[in-house]
Amino acid sequence: MRCLRCRGMMVEERVFTMEGGIAMARCVCCGDLIDPVVIRNRSVPCSAEARGGRHYRLGIA
């Protein structure tokens, strides 16, 4: 699997928490982490109000 940010190599990691284990993918080059929550959040379009911050309202960013 290739990283969407830098096209580097992704490795699978398992993180164990009190609630259970989470399967993640981490880029060995840039450190980007991908898990099911990140994938779900990136697939849902965000409204301008949800992004917040005055830079979005001013059209700077």
PDB file of N, CA and C in Angstrom:
ATOM      1  N   MET A   1       0.851  -1.167   0.000  1.00  0.00           N
ATOM      2  CA  MET A   1       0.000   0.000   0.000  1.00  0.00           C
ATOM      3  C   MET A   1       0.905   1.241   0.000  1.00  0.00           C
ATOM      4  N   ARG A   2       0.464   2.279  -0.718  1.00  0.00           N
ATOM      5  CA  ARG A   2       1.218   3.527  -0.829  1.00  0.00           C
ATOM      6  C   ARG A   2       0.511   4.649  -0.071  1.00  0.00           C
ATOM      7  N   CYS A   3       1.287   5.551   0.512  1.00  0.00           N
ATOM      8  CA  CYS A   3       0.776   6.705   1.247  1.00  0.00           C
ATOM      9  C   CYS A   3       0.133   7.699   0.279  1.00  0.00           C
ATOM     10  N   LEU A   4      -1.026   8.240   0.665  1.00  0.00           N
ATOM     11  CA  LEU A   4      -1.703   9.222  -0.176  1.00  0.00           C
ATOM     12  C   LEU A   4      -1.008  10.578  -0.147  1.00  0.00           C
ATOM     13  N   ARG A   5      -0.245  10.867   0.910  1.00  0.00           N
ATOM     14  CA  ARG A   5       0.440  12.158   1.018  1.00  0.00           C
ATOM     15  C   ARG A   5       1.753  12.177   0.241  1.00  0.00           C
ATOM     16  N   CYS A   6       2.597  11.169   0.478  1.00  0.00           N
ATOM     17  CA  CYS A   6       3.954  11.231  -0.089  1.00  0.00           C
ATOM     18  C   CYS A   6       4.290  10.062  -1.009  1.00  0.00           C
ATOM     19  N   ARG A   7       3.346   9.132  -1.179  1.00  0.00           N
ATOM     20  CA  ARG A   7       3.546   7.927  -2.000  1.00  0.00           C
ATOM     21  C   ARG A   7       4.587   6.979  -1.403  1.00  0.00           C
ATOM     22  N   GLY A   8       4.871   7.136  -0.107  1.00  0.00           N
ATOM     23  CA  GLY A   8       5.804   6.253   0.580  1.00  0.00           C
ATOM     24  C   GLY A   8       5.156   4.924   0.943  1.00  0.00           C
ATOM     25  N   MET A   9       5.925   4.042   1.545  1.00  0.00           N
ATOM     26  CA  MET A   9       5.452   2.714   1.917  1.00  0.00           C
ATOM     27  C   MET A   9       4.665   2.770   3.228  1.00  0.00           C
ATOM     28  N   MET A  10       3.502   2.121   3.241  1.00  0.00           N
ATOM     29  CA  MET A  10       2.676   2.026   4.441  1.00  0.00           C
ATOM     30  C   MET A  10       2.893   0.662   5.084  1.00  0.00           C
ATOM     31  N   VAL A  11       2.958   0.642   6.407  1.00  0.00           N
ATOM     32  CA  VAL A  11       3.066  -0.611   7.150  1.00  0.00           C
ATOM     33  C   VAL A  11       1.874  -0.715   8.089  1.00  0.00           C
ATOM     34  N   GLU A  12       1.413  -1.936   8.308  1.00  0.00           N
ATOM     35  CA  GLU A  12       0.274  -2.145   9.191  1.00  0.00           C
ATOM     36  C   GLU A  12       0.750  -2.215  10.632  1.00  0.00           C
ATOM     37  N   GLU A  13       0.009  -1.548  11.513  1.00  0.00           N
ATOM     38  CA  GLU A  13       0.301  -1.576  12.941  1.00  0.00           C
ATOM     39  C   GLU A  13      -0.974  -1.867  13.693  1.00  0.00           C
ATOM     40  N   ARG A  14      -0.846  -2.481  14.836  1.00  0.00           N
ATOM     41  CA  ARG A  14      -1.987  -2.716  15.715  1.00  0.00           C
ATOM     42  C   ARG A  14      -1.734  -1.942  17.005  1.00  0.00           C
ATOM     43  N   VAL A  15      -2.721  -1.131  17.385  1.00  0.00           N
ATOM     44  CA  VAL A  15      -2.642  -0.345  18.605  1.00  0.00           C
ATOM     45  C   VAL A  15      -3.667  -0.917  19.570  1.00  0.00           C
ATOM     46  N   PHE A  16      -3.231  -1.221  20.782  1.00  0.00           N
ATOM     47  CA  PHE A  16      -4.127  -1.807  21.770  1.00  0.00           C
ATOM     48  C   PHE A  16      -4.461  -0.770  22.833  1.00  0.00           C
ATOM     49  N   THR A  17      -5.763  -0.586  23.046  1.00  0.00           N
ATOM     50  CA  THR A  17      -6.253   0.368  24.034  1.00  0.00           C
ATOM     51  C   THR A  17      -7.111  -0.387  25.047  1.00  0.00           C
ATOM     52  N   MET A  18      -7.661   0.340  26.003  1.00  0.00           N
ATOM     53  CA  MET A  18      -8.539  -0.286  26.987  1.00  0.00           C
ATOM     54  C   MET A  18      -9.815  -0.829  26.336  1.00  0.00           C
ATOM     55  N   GLU A  19     -10.234  -0.201  25.224  1.00  0.00           N
ATOM     56  CA  GLU A  19     -11.439  -0.635  24.529  1.00  0.00           C
ATOM     57  C   GLU A  19     -11.189  -1.792  23.572  1.00  0.00           C
ATOM     58  N   GLY A  20      -9.957  -2.061  23.238  1.00  0.00           N
ATOM     59  CA  GLY A  20      -9.634  -3.134  22.306  1.00  0.00           C
ATOM     60  C   GLY A  20      -8.529  -2.724  21.354  1.00  0.00           C
ATOM     61  N   GLY A  21      -8.330  -3.512  20.319  1.00  0.00           N
ATOM     62  CA  GLY A  21      -7.274  -3.240  19.348  1.00  0.00           C
ATOM     63  C   GLY A  21      -7.794  -2.492  18.136  1.00  0.00           C
ATOM     64  N   ILE A  22      -6.914  -1.692  17.557  1.00  0.00           N
ATOM     65  CA  ILE A  22      -7.239  -0.925  16.359  1.00  0.00           C
ATOM     66  C   ILE A  22      -6.164  -1.218  15.321  1.00  0.00           C
ATOM     67  N   ALA A  23      -6.595  -1.593  14.112  1.00  0.00           N
ATOM     68  CA  ALA A  23      -5.654  -1.801  13.016  1.00  0.00           C
ATOM     69  C   ALA A  23      -5.433  -0.458  12.319  1.00  0.00           C
ATOM     70  N   MET A  24      -4.177  -0.089  12.137  1.00  0.00           N
ATOM     71  CA  MET A  24      -3.827   1.176  11.503  1.00  0.00           C
ATOM     72  C   MET A  24      -2.769   0.925  10.445  1.00  0.00           C
ATOM     73  N   ALA A  25      -2.631   1.886   9.541  1.00  0.00           N
ATOM     74  CA  ALA A  25      -1.535   1.871   8.578  1.00  0.00           C
ATOM     75  C   ALA A  25      -0.731   3.147   8.799  1.00  0.00           C
ATOM     76  N   ARG A  26       0.597   3.019   8.844  1.00  0.00           N
ATOM     77  CA  ARG A  26       1.478   4.156   9.073  1.00  0.00           C
ATOM     78  C   ARG A  26       2.499   4.237   7.953  1.00  0.00           C
ATOM     79  N   CYS A  27       2.716   5.457   7.455  1.00  0.00           N
ATOM     80  CA  CYS A  27       3.721   5.669   6.419  1.00  0.00           C
ATOM     81  C   CYS A  27       5.103   5.730   7.069  1.00  0.00           C
ATOM     82  N   VAL A  28       6.047   4.980   6.523  1.00  0.00           N
ATOM     83  CA  VAL A  28       7.394   4.973   7.084  1.00  0.00           C
ATOM     84  C   VAL A  28       8.170   6.234   6.703  1.00  0.00           C
ATOM     85  N   CYS A  29       7.704   6.974   5.695  1.00  0.00           N
ATOM     86  CA  CYS A  29       8.395   8.195   5.270  1.00  0.00           C
ATOM     87  C   CYS A  29       7.905   9.436   6.002  1.00  0.00           C
ATOM     88  N   CYS A  30       6.577   9.700   5.951  1.00  0.00           N
ATOM     89  CA  CYS A  30       6.055  10.945   6.520  1.00  0.00           C
ATOM     90  C   CYS A  30       5.311  10.746   7.836  1.00  0.00           C
ATOM     91  N   GLY A  31       5.026   9.493   8.221  1.00  0.00           N
ATOM     92  CA  GLY A  31       4.373   9.223   9.494  1.00  0.00           C
ATOM     93  C   GLY A  31       2.860   9.341   9.484  1.00  0.00           C
ATOM     94  N   ASP A  32       2.248   9.531   8.314  1.00  0.00           N
ATOM     95  CA  ASP A  32       0.792   9.647   8.231  1.00  0.00           C
ATOM     96  C   ASP A  32       0.148   8.370   8.755  1.00  0.00           C
ATOM     97  N   LEU A  33      -0.900   8.521   9.585  1.00  0.00           N
ATOM     98  CA  LEU A  33      -1.621   7.381  10.140  1.00  0.00           C
ATOM     99  C   LEU A  33      -3.008   7.305   9.523  1.00  0.00           C
ATOM    100  N   ILE A  34      -3.400   6.111   9.133  1.00  0.00           N
ATOM    101  CA  ILE A  34      -4.719   5.869   8.562  1.00  0.00           C
ATOM    102  C   ILE A  34      -5.374   4.761   9.379  1.00  0.00           C
ATOM    103  N   ASP A  35      -6.599   5.026   9.855  1.00  0.00           N
ATOM    104  CA  ASP A  35      -7.396   4.007  10.523  1.00  0.00           C
ATOM    105  C   ASP A  35      -8.835   4.150  10.032  1.00  0.00           C
ATOM    106  N   PRO A  36      -9.743   3.262  10.416  1.00  0.00           N
ATOM    107  CA  PRO A  36     -11.127   3.357   9.913  1.00  0.00           C
ATOM    108  C   PRO A  36     -11.808   4.697  10.208  1.00  0.00           C
ATOM    109  N   VAL A  37     -11.518   5.311  11.341  1.00  0.00           N
ATOM    110  CA  VAL A  37     -12.132   6.604  11.677  1.00  0.00           C
ATOM    111  C   VAL A  37     -11.615   7.696  10.741  1.00  0.00           C
ATOM    112  N   VAL A  38     -10.325   7.712  10.465  1.00  0.00           N
ATOM    113  CA  VAL A  38      -9.746   8.700   9.557  1.00  0.00           C
ATOM    114  C   VAL A  38     -10.346   8.538   8.161  1.00  0.00           C
ATOM    115  N   ILE A  39     -10.454   7.306   7.693  1.00  0.00           N
ATOM    116  CA  ILE A  39     -11.024   7.054   6.363  1.00  0.00           C
ATOM    117  C   ILE A  39     -12.464   7.547   6.300  1.00  0.00           C
ATOM    118  N   ARG A  40     -13.253   7.255   7.336  1.00  0.00           N
ATOM    119  CA  ARG A  40     -14.648   7.697   7.364  1.00  0.00           C
ATOM    120  C   ARG A  40     -14.734   9.223   7.398  1.00  0.00           C
ATOM    121  N   ASN A  41     -13.929   9.880   8.212  1.00  0.00           N
ATOM    122  CA  ASN A  41     -13.968  11.341   8.313  1.00  0.00           C
ATOM    123  C   ASN A  41     -13.515  12.021   7.024  1.00  0.00           C
ATOM    124  N   ARG A  42     -12.555  11.453   6.332  1.00  0.00           N
ATOM    125  CA  ARG A  42     -12.087  12.044   5.077  1.00  0.00           C
ATOM    126  C   ARG A  42     -13.079  11.852   3.940  1.00  0.00           C
ATOM    127  N   SER A  43     -13.954  10.863   4.048  1.00  0.00           N
ATOM    128  CA  SER A  43     -14.903  10.600   2.967  1.00  0.00           C
ATOM    129  C   SER A  43     -16.152  11.474   3.067  1.00  0.00           C
ATOM    130  N   VAL A  44     -16.409  12.087   4.229  1.00  0.00           N
ATOM    131  CA  VAL A  44     -17.591  12.929   4.418  1.00  0.00           C
ATOM    132  C   VAL A  44     -17.208  14.377   4.163  1.00  0.00           C
ATOM    133  N   PRO A  45     -17.885  15.053   3.213  1.00  0.00           N
ATOM    134  CA  PRO A  45     -17.562  16.458   2.971  1.00  0.00           C
ATOM    135  C   PRO A  45     -17.891  17.312   4.189  1.00  0.00           C
ATOM    136  N   CYS A  46     -17.070  18.294   4.421  1.00  0.00           N
ATOM    137  CA  CYS A  46     -17.192  19.157   5.583  1.00  0.00           C
ATOM    138  C   CYS A  46     -17.774  20.505   5.162  1.00  0.00           C
ATOM    139  N   SER A  47     -18.724  21.018   5.941  1.00  0.00           N
ATOM    140  CA  SER A  47     -19.301  22.318   5.636  1.00  0.00           C
ATOM    141  C   SER A  47     -18.319  23.418   6.038  1.00  0.00           C
ATOM    142  N   ALA A  48     -18.523  24.623   5.534  1.00  0.00           N
ATOM    143  CA  ALA A  48     -17.643  25.749   5.857  1.00  0.00           C
ATOM    144  C   ALA A  48     -17.705  26.070   7.341  1.00  0.00           C
ATOM    145  N   GLU A  49     -18.885  25.962   7.946  1.00  0.00           N
ATOM    146  CA  GLU A  49     -19.015  26.243   9.373  1.00  0.00           C
ATOM    147  C   GLU A  49     -18.284  25.203  10.206  1.00  0.00           C
ATOM    148  N   ALA A  50     -18.308  23.949   9.789  1.00  0.00           N
ATOM    149  CA  ALA A  50     -17.639  22.894  10.544  1.00  0.00           C
ATOM    150  C   ALA A  50     -16.127  23.063  10.516  1.00  0.00           C
ATOM    151  N   ARG A  51     -15.584  23.631   9.420  1.00  0.00           N
ATOM    152  CA  ARG A  51     -14.139  23.863   9.361  1.00  0.00           C
ATOM    153  C   ARG A  51     -13.728  24.934  10.348  1.00  0.00           C
ATOM    154  N   GLY A  52     -14.607  25.918  10.572  1.00  0.00           N
ATOM    155  CA  GLY A  52     -14.375  26.951  11.569  1.00  0.00           C
ATOM    156  C   GLY A  52     -13.200  27.838  11.230  1.00  0.00           C
ATOM    157  N   GLY A  53     -12.920  28.753  12.109  1.00  0.00           N
ATOM    158  CA  GLY A  53     -11.793  29.646  11.927  1.00  0.00           C
ATOM    159  C   GLY A  53     -12.118  30.795  11.000  1.00  0.00           C
ATOM    160  N   ARG A  54     -11.574  31.947  11.282  1.00  0.00           N
ATOM    161  CA  ARG A  54     -11.895  33.130  10.490  1.00  0.00           C
ATOM    162  C   ARG A  54     -11.261  33.099   9.117  1.00  0.00           C
ATOM    163  N   HIS A  55     -10.204  32.339   8.918  1.00  0.00           N
ATOM    164  CA  HIS A  55      -9.540  32.295   7.618  1.00  0.00           C
ATOM    165  C   HIS A  55     -10.455  31.712   6.549  1.00  0.00           C
ATOM    166  N   TYR A  56     -11.275  30.730   6.908  1.00  0.00           N
ATOM    167  CA  TYR A  56     -12.199  30.175   5.937  1.00  0.00           C
ATOM    168  C   TYR A  56     -13.296  31.166   5.598  1.00  0.00           C
ATOM    169  N   ARG A  57     -13.754  31.917   6.582  1.00  0.00           N
ATOM    170  CA  ARG A  57     -14.814  32.904   6.323  1.00  0.00           C
ATOM    171  C   ARG A  57     -14.279  34.053   5.462  1.00  0.00           C
ATOM    172  N   LEU A  58     -13.011  34.376   5.619  1.00  0.00           N
ATOM    173  CA  LEU A  58     -12.429  35.470   4.851  1.00  0.00           C
ATOM    174  C   LEU A  58     -11.927  35.024   3.479  1.00  0.00           C
ATOM    175  N   GLY A  59     -11.884  33.721   3.257  1.00  0.00           N
ATOM    176  CA  GLY A  59     -11.426  33.193   1.981  1.00  0.00           C
ATOM    177  C   GLY A  59      -9.907  33.199   1.854  1.00  0.00           C
ATOM    178  N   ILE A  60      -9.203  33.237   2.990  1.00  0.00           N
ATOM    179  CA  ILE A  60      -7.739  33.277   2.972  1.00  0.00           C
ATOM    180  C   ILE A  60      -7.164  31.878   2.758  1.00  0.00           C
ATOM    181  N   ALA A  61      -7.751  30.880   3.418  1.00  0.00           N
ATOM    182  CA  ALA A  61      -7.167  29.537   3.375  1.00  0.00           C
ATOM    183  C   ALA A  61      -7.704  28.715   2.256  1.00  0.00           C
TER     184      ALA A  61
END
